[in-house]
Amino acid sequence: MLLGGIITVLVAFAAIIKKYEARMVLCTAGIVMCILGGAINSAITAFTSTMVHSSLVPTICTVMGFSFVMRYTGCDKHLAIAISSAIKKRKSVLIPLTILITWWISVAIPSAAGCAAAVGSILIPTLIAAGVHPAMAGCAVLAGTWGSAISPGTSHNPFVAQLANTDVMTVIINETPAAVIASFVVIAALTGIAIINKETANAKNSNKIVAGKGAEDTFKVNPVHAVIPLVPLILLVLGSAQIAILPFVSVPLAMIIGTILAILVTWSNPQDVCKKFFDGMGNAYGNVIGLIVAAAVFTQGMAAVGLTDNLIEIMKSSQSLAKIAGAFGPFIVAVLSGSGDAAALAFNGAITPFAEHFGMSIMDLGSLAQMSGAIGRSMSPVAGAALICAELANVSPMELAKRNAIPMLLGVVTFMLLL
């Protein structure tokens, strides 16, 4: 039975790496393991209970609804172009500023592909026009997209909060210092690579202007519109238990307030905004909640065949082993598959609840697993964000992956050591 479970898990992750539908793979593998363990009903229970989870579903769905509204109203574009206009004349720090800005914007736009499209379409042409090598311009944006790992809108932070029996902002505030330091390590490493390879902004390459350059010059930025994507994040931070300047603000409330403000300041049709908000919620349920449901079935299957108990016993012997597994398991799968979500959710569902048995807190181990998956995605040549950045820079995705490899490895090691 245990051997059958191990084989099933290996086949499942091989299928995910080969880009088979992750929800299908995880559900199928979970059901197979439940059958092997004689507990088929537990798979159905895990499926149905996760479908209606009282904290995960409202949090993730409302964030994605707000994201769709930002795209519809153009507020995300105002934010991206406002920042681009502020940095384009500072050629000596273009690369580090681009990574840093993308990193923080991705907190407000938690979809890596969505952030790459919104920010990359503005910043990549700006960098190339300033003389940055096209591949390095794409790398700079891609390297910043893992900032979404500290967003309340990513599927993982609410999931870890639920496991740790706390609120999502407590999880985010706990992991943010290590994540910020890791981001500066990534910035320093990629900037160093750019300098060594002579791919920074220079006059020799400044005439290589790509299509789209100058788009920000004809677009009039409205400062109020540019602030709207940041409003929910500001409310959540000020209303968190650690800051407590405002009364407690839940994630759904913050997103709804942000949506109402977007209607008021952009004079958008409320009916159309409402449709976009619910379109976003539906997209989140189908793609993000659906993956969490599938991961719950998978982890239930691992428990049914005794695989979870055996892994826990092995990890009890060494805290270092647990850290390495939490960091590099999701990281490697993310690099190979382009998505760290499936691996991180499976790990957090099966192993993280028992973190205290091997000397770690649930928050720390859960954050480590999800953060490493996000960082790994930022060096994957098959990730959606990488494909978008490569297309905007007109280079091969492999050119981005090989430049981002060392910075991302250093980033995940830094986060692991600090956490």
Protein backbone atom coordinates (compact mmCIF):
# COMPACT_ATOMS: atom_id res chain seq x y z
CA MET A 1 0.00 0.00 0.00
CA LEU A 2 2.78 2.44 0.95
CA LEU A 3 4.78 1.56 -2.16
CA GLY A 4 1.69 2.12 -4.29
CA GLY A 5 1.26 5.56 -2.71
CA ILE A 6 4.89 6.51 -3.42
CA ILE A 7 4.56 5.44 -7.05
CA THR A 8 1.29 7.37 -7.39
CA VAL A 9 2.83 10.57 -5.97
CA LEU A 10 5.86 10.33 -8.27
CA VAL A 11 3.65 9.74 -11.31
CA ALA A 12 1.42 12.68 -10.28
CA PHE A 13 4.29 15.16 -10.05
CA ALA A 14 5.80 13.85 -13.28
CA ALA A 15 2.43 14.52 -14.96
CA ILE A 16 2.27 18.05 -13.48
CA ILE A 17 5.80 18.76 -14.74
CA LYS A 18 4.73 17.59 -18.20
CA LYS A 19 1.95 20.21 -18.07
CA TYR A 20 -1.03 17.90 -17.64
CA GLU A 21 -4.03 19.59 -16.00
CA ALA A 22 -2.97 19.90 -12.34
CA ARG A 23 -6.49 19.63 -10.91
CA MET A 24 -7.17 16.43 -12.83
CA VAL A 25 -3.83 14.95 -11.83
CA LEU A 26 -4.16 15.75 -8.12
CA CYS A 27 -7.77 14.56 -7.88
CA THR A 28 -7.04 11.35 -9.75
CA ALA A 29 -3.93 10.59 -7.69
CA GLY A 30 -5.78 11.34 -4.45
CA ILE A 31 -8.70 9.08 -5.34
CA VAL A 32 -6.34 6.25 -6.39
CA MET A 33 -4.49 6.47 -3.06
CA CYS A 34 -7.77 6.57 -1.11
CA ILE A 35 -8.86 3.43 -2.93
CA LEU A 36 -5.53 1.76 -2.09
CA GLY A 37 -6.01 2.78 1.54
CA GLY A 38 -9.64 1.64 1.63
CA ALA A 39 -10.95 5.14 2.37
CA ILE A 40 -12.68 6.33 -0.79
CA ASN A 41 -15.31 8.26 1.21
CA SER A 42 -12.58 10.43 2.75
CA ALA A 43 -11.67 11.71 -0.72
CA ILE A 44 -15.24 12.86 -1.31
CA THR A 45 -15.41 14.45 2.13
CA ALA A 46 -12.18 16.38 1.48
CA PHE A 47 -13.53 17.48 -1.91
CA THR A 48 -16.88 18.77 -0.67
CA SER A 49 -15.65 20.38 2.56
CA THR A 50 -12.94 22.37 0.78
CA MET A 51 -15.41 23.56 -1.88
CA VAL A 52 -17.28 25.61 0.71
CA HIS A 53 -14.42 26.61 3.01
CA SER A 54 -15.64 29.64 4.95
CA SER A 55 -12.39 31.66 4.84
CA LEU A 56 -10.51 30.53 1.73
CA VAL A 57 -13.33 30.97 -0.76
CA PRO A 58 -14.39 34.56 0.14
CA THR A 59 -10.79 35.77 0.47
CA ILE A 60 -9.41 34.43 -2.79
CA CYS A 61 -12.51 35.08 -4.88
CA THR A 62 -12.92 38.72 -3.83
CA VAL A 63 -9.25 39.49 -4.47
CA MET A 64 -9.50 38.12 -8.00
CA GLY A 65 -12.75 40.03 -8.51
CA PHE A 66 -10.96 43.25 -7.52
CA SER A 67 -8.08 42.38 -9.87
CA PHE A 68 -10.51 42.05 -12.78
CA VAL A 69 -12.04 45.43 -11.89
CA MET A 70 -8.59 47.06 -11.85
CA ARG A 71 -7.91 45.71 -15.33
CA TYR A 72 -11.34 46.83 -16.61
CA THR A 73 -11.07 50.37 -15.20
CA GLY A 74 -7.43 50.71 -16.30
CA CYS A 75 -6.28 51.60 -12.77
CA ASP A 76 -3.51 48.98 -12.97
CA LYS A 77 -2.22 50.67 -16.14
CA HIS A 78 -2.23 54.09 -14.47
CA LEU A 79 -0.14 52.64 -11.62
CA ALA A 80 2.35 50.91 -13.94
CA ILE A 81 2.86 53.94 -16.21
CA ALA A 82 3.11 56.36 -13.28
CA ILE A 83 5.98 54.34 -11.87
CA SER A 84 7.58 53.85 -15.30
CA SER A 85 7.57 57.60 -15.93
CA ALA A 86 9.28 58.20 -12.60
CA ILE A 87 12.20 55.82 -13.24
CA LYS A 88 12.89 55.93 -16.98
CA LYS A 89 15.43 58.77 -16.69
CA ARG A 90 17.44 57.00 -13.98
CA LYS A 91 19.40 54.70 -16.26
CA SER A 92 22.03 53.70 -13.74
CA VAL A 93 19.45 52.05 -11.48
CA LEU A 94 16.90 50.94 -14.08
CA ILE A 95 17.36 47.20 -13.51
CA PRO A 96 17.20 47.14 -9.69
CA LEU A 97 14.33 49.64 -9.65
CA THR A 98 12.39 47.59 -12.20
CA ILE A 99 12.72 44.43 -10.11
CA LEU A 100 11.77 46.26 -6.92
CA ILE A 101 8.80 48.03 -8.47
CA THR A 102 7.48 44.87 -10.14
CA TRP A 103 7.88 43.02 -6.84
CA TRP A 104 5.71 45.50 -4.98
CA ILE A 105 3.16 45.91 -7.78
CA SER A 106 2.73 42.13 -7.85
CA VAL A 107 1.53 42.36 -4.25
CA ALA A 108 -1.40 44.43 -5.55
CA ILE A 109 -1.75 42.32 -8.73
CA PRO A 110 -1.18 38.79 -7.35
CA SER A 111 -1.41 37.00 -10.70
CA ALA A 112 2.18 36.59 -11.93
CA ALA A 113 1.07 36.49 -15.57
CA GLY A 114 -1.27 39.45 -15.07
CA CYS A 115 1.45 41.48 -13.38
CA ALA A 116 3.97 40.58 -16.11
CA ALA A 117 1.53 41.76 -18.76
CA ALA A 118 0.53 44.99 -17.00
CA VAL A 119 4.00 46.01 -15.86
CA GLY A 120 6.10 44.36 -18.59
CA SER A 121 4.24 46.01 -21.43
CA ILE A 122 5.39 49.37 -20.04
CA LEU A 123 8.75 48.72 -18.38
CA ILE A 124 10.33 46.25 -20.81
CA PRO A 125 10.16 48.64 -23.82
CA THR A 126 11.39 51.44 -21.53
CA LEU A 127 14.43 49.43 -20.45
CA ILE A 128 15.27 48.30 -23.98
CA ALA A 129 14.98 51.87 -25.29
CA ALA A 130 17.41 52.95 -22.56
CA GLY A 131 19.95 50.42 -23.79
CA VAL A 132 19.31 47.44 -21.50
CA HIS A 133 19.78 44.09 -23.24
CA PRO A 134 16.31 42.78 -24.21
CA ALA A 135 16.76 39.50 -22.32
CA MET A 136 17.86 41.37 -19.21
CA ALA A 137 14.88 43.71 -19.52
CA GLY A 138 12.55 40.69 -19.55
CA CYS A 139 14.47 39.13 -16.65
CA ALA A 140 14.10 42.23 -14.51
CA VAL A 141 10.30 42.13 -14.73
CA LEU A 142 10.09 38.33 -14.36
CA ALA A 143 12.38 38.44 -11.31
CA GLY A 144 9.92 40.73 -9.54
CA THR A 145 6.75 38.73 -10.10
CA TRP A 146 7.20 36.53 -7.00
CA GLY A 147 6.32 39.48 -4.75
CA SER A 148 2.77 38.16 -5.05
CA ALA A 149 3.78 35.52 -2.46
CA ILE A 150 3.15 38.09 0.30
CA SER A 151 -0.20 39.16 -1.13
CA PRO A 152 -3.45 38.32 0.67
CA GLY A 153 -4.78 37.45 -2.77
CA THR A 154 -2.50 34.49 -3.38
CA SER A 155 -4.11 31.16 -2.56
CA HIS A 156 -1.37 30.16 -0.12
CA ASN A 157 -1.45 32.81 2.59
CA PRO A 158 -5.14 32.24 3.45
CA PHE A 159 -4.46 28.49 3.31
CA VAL A 160 -1.51 28.75 5.72
CA ALA A 161 -3.54 31.08 7.97
CA GLN A 162 -6.29 28.49 8.15
CA LEU A 163 -3.78 25.75 9.04
CA ALA A 164 -2.20 27.95 11.72
CA ASN A 165 -5.61 29.05 13.05
CA THR A 166 -4.84 32.74 12.61
CA ASP A 167 -5.69 35.59 10.24
CA VAL A 168 -4.07 36.10 6.86
CA MET A 169 -2.37 39.39 7.74
CA THR A 170 -0.56 37.74 10.66
CA VAL A 171 0.91 35.22 8.22
CA ILE A 172 1.91 37.96 5.78
CA ILE A 173 3.52 40.17 8.41
CA ASN A 174 5.41 37.15 9.76
CA GLU A 175 6.93 36.27 6.37
CA THR A 176 7.40 39.75 4.90
CA PRO A 177 10.75 40.70 6.52
CA ALA A 178 12.47 37.55 5.23
CA ALA A 179 10.80 37.97 1.82
CA VAL A 180 11.92 41.59 1.51
CA ILE A 181 15.52 40.72 2.38
CA ALA A 182 15.41 37.84 -0.12
CA SER A 183 14.11 40.26 -2.77
CA PHE A 184 17.13 42.52 -2.24
CA VAL A 185 19.43 39.49 -2.59
CA VAL A 186 17.73 38.73 -5.92
CA ILE A 187 18.08 42.38 -6.99
CA ALA A 188 21.78 42.47 -6.12
CA ALA A 189 22.49 39.16 -7.85
CA LEU A 190 20.66 39.96 -11.10
CA THR A 191 22.14 43.48 -11.22
CA GLY A 192 25.59 41.96 -10.76
CA ILE A 193 24.98 39.53 -13.62
CA ALA A 194 23.84 42.43 -15.83
CA ILE A 195 27.00 44.39 -15.03
CA ILE A 196 29.31 41.40 -15.60
CA ASN A 197 27.63 40.59 -18.93
CA LYS A 198 27.54 44.29 -19.90
CA GLU A 199 23.75 44.19 -20.33
CA THR A 200 22.92 47.33 -18.35
CA ALA A 201 21.62 50.58 -19.86
CA ASN A 202 24.15 52.14 -22.23
CA ALA A 203 24.17 54.56 -25.14
CA LYS A 204 25.41 51.91 -27.60
CA ASN A 205 22.18 49.96 -27.34
CA SER A 206 19.83 52.85 -26.70
CA ASN A 207 18.67 53.03 -30.31
CA LYS A 208 17.22 49.51 -30.19
CA ILE A 209 13.69 50.65 -29.55
CA VAL A 210 10.98 48.03 -29.70
CA ALA A 211 7.33 48.37 -30.60
CA GLY A 212 5.40 50.00 -27.83
CA LYS A 213 8.07 52.52 -26.79
CA GLY A 214 6.51 55.85 -26.14
CA ALA A 215 3.10 54.45 -25.27
CA GLU A 216 3.47 55.87 -21.78
CA ASP A 217 4.27 59.29 -23.26
CA THR A 218 0.83 59.53 -24.90
CA PHE A 219 -1.04 58.19 -21.87
CA LYS A 220 -2.07 60.74 -19.28
CA VAL A 221 -1.74 59.28 -15.81
CA ASN A 222 -4.40 60.11 -13.27
CA PRO A 223 -2.71 59.96 -9.83
CA VAL A 224 -5.99 59.07 -8.08
CA HIS A 225 -6.59 56.17 -10.47
CA ALA A 226 -3.02 54.99 -9.90
CA VAL A 227 -3.56 54.79 -6.13
CA ILE A 228 -6.75 52.69 -6.27
CA PRO A 229 -4.99 49.27 -6.72
CA LEU A 230 -3.09 49.96 -3.48
CA VAL A 231 -6.10 50.94 -1.35
CA PRO A 232 -7.10 47.43 -0.20
CA LEU A 233 -3.52 46.63 0.80
CA ILE A 234 -3.29 49.87 2.79
CA LEU A 235 -6.57 49.09 4.57
CA LEU A 236 -5.46 45.54 5.39
CA VAL A 237 -2.14 46.67 6.82
CA LEU A 238 -3.66 49.52 8.88
CA GLY A 239 -6.41 47.23 10.15
CA SER A 240 -4.14 44.30 11.01
CA ALA A 241 -3.77 43.20 14.63
CA GLN A 242 -0.10 44.24 14.59
CA ILE A 243 -0.78 47.84 13.43
CA ALA A 244 -4.39 48.38 14.56
CA ILE A 245 -4.67 52.00 13.39
CA LEU A 246 -8.05 51.08 11.87
CA PRO A 247 -10.62 48.57 13.15
CA PHE A 248 -10.06 45.06 11.82
CA VAL A 249 -10.59 44.96 8.06
CA SER A 250 -11.25 41.60 6.41
CA VAL A 251 -9.90 40.84 2.94
CA PRO A 252 -13.36 40.74 1.29
CA LEU A 253 -14.29 44.09 2.88
CA ALA A 254 -11.04 45.70 1.70
CA MET A 255 -11.60 44.46 -1.86
CA ILE A 256 -15.21 45.63 -1.94
CA ILE A 257 -14.20 49.08 -0.65
CA GLY A 258 -11.51 49.24 -3.34
CA THR A 259 -14.05 48.28 -6.00
CA ILE A 260 -16.53 50.94 -4.87
CA LEU A 261 -13.79 53.58 -4.90
CA ALA A 262 -12.80 52.49 -8.42
CA ILE A 263 -16.37 53.08 -9.59
CA LEU A 264 -16.48 56.51 -7.97
CA VAL A 265 -13.15 57.83 -9.21
CA THR A 266 -13.25 56.39 -12.75
CA TRP A 267 -16.98 56.98 -13.35
CA SER A 268 -17.26 53.47 -14.72
CA ASN A 269 -20.64 51.87 -15.33
CA PRO A 270 -21.51 50.13 -12.03
CA GLN A 271 -23.28 47.33 -13.91
CA ASP A 272 -20.19 46.55 -15.99
CA VAL A 273 -17.91 46.75 -12.94
CA CYS A 274 -20.20 44.38 -11.07
CA LYS A 275 -20.05 41.92 -13.96
CA LYS A 276 -16.26 42.10 -14.06
CA PHE A 277 -16.04 41.61 -10.29
CA PHE A 278 -18.13 38.46 -10.43
CA ASP A 279 -16.28 37.26 -13.53
CA GLY A 280 -13.10 37.52 -11.48
CA MET A 281 -14.69 35.65 -8.60
CA GLY A 282 -15.76 32.88 -10.93
CA ASN A 283 -12.30 32.71 -12.46
CA ALA A 284 -10.77 32.45 -8.98
CA TYR A 285 -13.16 29.69 -7.96
CA GLY A 286 -12.56 27.64 -11.07
CA ASN A 287 -8.78 28.04 -11.23
CA VAL A 288 -7.54 28.76 -7.69
CA ILE A 289 -10.14 27.24 -5.38
CA GLY A 290 -10.40 24.33 -7.80
CA LEU A 291 -6.69 23.66 -7.35
CA ILE A 292 -7.00 23.85 -3.55
CA VAL A 293 -9.89 21.37 -3.67
CA ALA A 294 -7.83 18.99 -5.82
CA ALA A 295 -4.84 19.36 -3.50
CA ALA A 296 -7.07 18.51 -0.52
CA VAL A 297 -8.09 15.26 -2.20
CA PHE A 298 -4.44 14.51 -2.97
CA THR A 299 -3.30 15.08 0.62
CA GLN A 300 -6.18 12.97 1.91
CA GLY A 301 -4.97 10.18 -0.36
CA MET A 302 -1.43 10.50 1.00
CA ALA A 303 -2.79 10.13 4.51
CA ALA A 304 -4.94 7.14 3.53
CA VAL A 305 -1.95 5.07 2.33
CA GLY A 306 0.20 6.06 5.32
CA LEU A 307 2.61 8.16 3.28
CA THR A 308 2.06 11.30 5.33
CA ASP A 309 2.82 9.54 8.63
CA ASN A 310 6.01 8.07 7.23
CA LEU A 311 7.22 11.41 5.89
CA ILE A 312 6.53 13.04 9.25
CA GLU A 313 8.51 10.37 11.09
CA ILE A 314 11.47 10.91 8.76
CA MET A 315 11.35 14.70 9.19
CA LYS A 316 11.09 14.46 12.98
CA SER A 317 14.71 13.37 13.03
CA SER A 318 15.95 16.63 11.52
CA GLN A 319 14.63 20.18 11.40
CA SER A 320 17.09 20.88 8.59
CA LEU A 321 15.58 18.08 6.51
CA ALA A 322 12.11 19.60 6.91
CA LYS A 323 13.39 23.01 5.86
CA ILE A 324 15.16 21.59 2.80
CA ALA A 325 12.07 19.62 1.76
CA GLY A 326 9.81 22.65 2.24
CA ALA A 327 12.14 24.91 0.28
CA PHE A 328 13.43 22.83 -2.59
CA GLY A 329 10.52 20.46 -3.20
CA PRO A 330 8.09 23.15 -4.42
CA PHE A 331 11.00 25.13 -5.91
CA ILE A 332 12.13 22.32 -8.23
CA VAL A 333 8.59 21.42 -9.29
CA ALA A 334 7.88 25.11 -9.99
CA VAL A 335 10.97 25.46 -12.17
CA LEU A 336 10.08 22.37 -14.18
CA SER A 337 6.32 22.89 -14.44
CA GLY A 338 6.00 26.68 -14.43
CA SER A 339 3.72 26.63 -11.39
CA GLY A 340 4.61 26.11 -7.76
CA ASP A 341 0.98 26.09 -6.64
CA ALA A 342 0.29 22.36 -6.91
CA ALA A 343 3.47 21.29 -5.12
CA ALA A 344 3.20 23.95 -2.40
CA LEU A 345 -0.46 23.22 -1.71
CA ALA A 346 0.19 19.48 -1.58
CA PHE A 347 3.13 19.96 0.79
CA ASN A 348 1.25 22.39 3.01
CA GLY A 349 -1.80 20.18 3.13
CA ALA A 350 0.09 17.01 4.01
CA ILE A 351 3.18 18.04 5.98
CA THR A 352 2.80 21.59 7.32
CA PRO A 353 0.06 20.80 9.88
CA PHE A 354 2.67 18.69 11.71
CA ALA A 355 5.42 21.34 11.59
CA GLU A 356 5.78 21.48 15.38
CA HIS A 357 6.85 17.81 15.45
CA PHE A 358 10.08 18.78 13.72
CA GLY A 359 10.81 22.04 15.46
CA MET A 360 9.06 24.59 13.23
CA SER A 361 5.87 26.61 13.38
CA ILE A 362 3.05 26.01 10.92
CA MET A 363 3.31 29.61 9.69
CA ASP A 364 7.04 29.36 9.02
CA LEU A 365 6.98 26.01 7.22
CA GLY A 366 3.87 26.92 5.24
CA SER A 367 5.37 30.24 4.19
CA LEU A 368 8.64 28.55 3.24
CA ALA A 369 6.90 26.06 0.95
CA GLN A 370 4.70 28.61 -0.82
CA MET A 371 7.47 31.21 -1.11
CA SER A 372 9.91 28.73 -2.66
CA GLY A 373 7.28 27.73 -5.21
CA ALA A 374 6.74 31.38 -6.19
CA ILE A 375 10.48 32.04 -6.46
CA GLY A 376 10.98 28.89 -8.54
CA ARG A 377 8.25 30.00 -10.93
CA SER A 378 10.23 33.19 -11.56
CA MET A 379 13.07 31.21 -13.17
CA SER A 380 10.92 28.71 -15.05
CA PRO A 381 11.06 28.98 -18.86
CA VAL A 382 7.54 27.52 -19.13
CA ALA A 383 5.76 29.79 -16.62
CA GLY A 384 3.06 32.05 -18.03
CA ALA A 385 4.83 35.17 -16.74
CA ALA A 386 8.10 34.07 -18.37
CA LEU A 387 6.41 33.52 -21.73
CA ILE A 388 4.81 36.97 -21.58
CA CYS A 389 8.10 38.70 -20.64
CA ALA A 390 9.98 36.80 -23.35
CA GLU A 391 7.42 37.79 -25.95
CA LEU A 392 7.55 41.45 -24.93
CA ALA A 393 11.36 41.39 -25.08
CA ASN A 394 11.37 39.32 -28.29
CA VAL A 395 13.75 36.71 -26.87
CA SER A 396 13.61 33.00 -25.99
CA PRO A 397 12.22 32.14 -22.52
CA MET A 398 15.39 30.13 -21.92
CA GLU A 399 17.36 33.38 -22.12
CA LEU A 400 15.37 34.61 -19.13
CA ALA A 401 15.66 31.33 -17.23
CA LYS A 402 19.43 31.06 -17.42
CA ARG A 403 19.92 34.65 -16.22
CA ASN A 404 17.45 34.27 -13.36
CA ALA A 405 18.76 30.89 -12.15
CA ILE A 406 21.44 32.09 -9.72
CA PRO A 407 19.44 35.04 -8.32
CA MET A 408 16.41 32.83 -7.62
CA LEU A 409 18.48 30.08 -6.02
CA LEU A 410 20.07 32.68 -3.76
CA GLY A 411 16.62 34.10 -3.01
CA VAL A 412 15.14 30.79 -1.85
CA VAL A 413 18.23 29.94 0.21
CA THR A 414 18.11 33.39 1.85
CA PHE A 415 14.43 33.01 2.71
CA MET A 416 15.03 29.51 4.10
CA LEU A 417 17.90 30.66 6.33
CA LEU A 418 16.07 33.73 7.60
CA LEU A 419 12.80 31.96 8.31
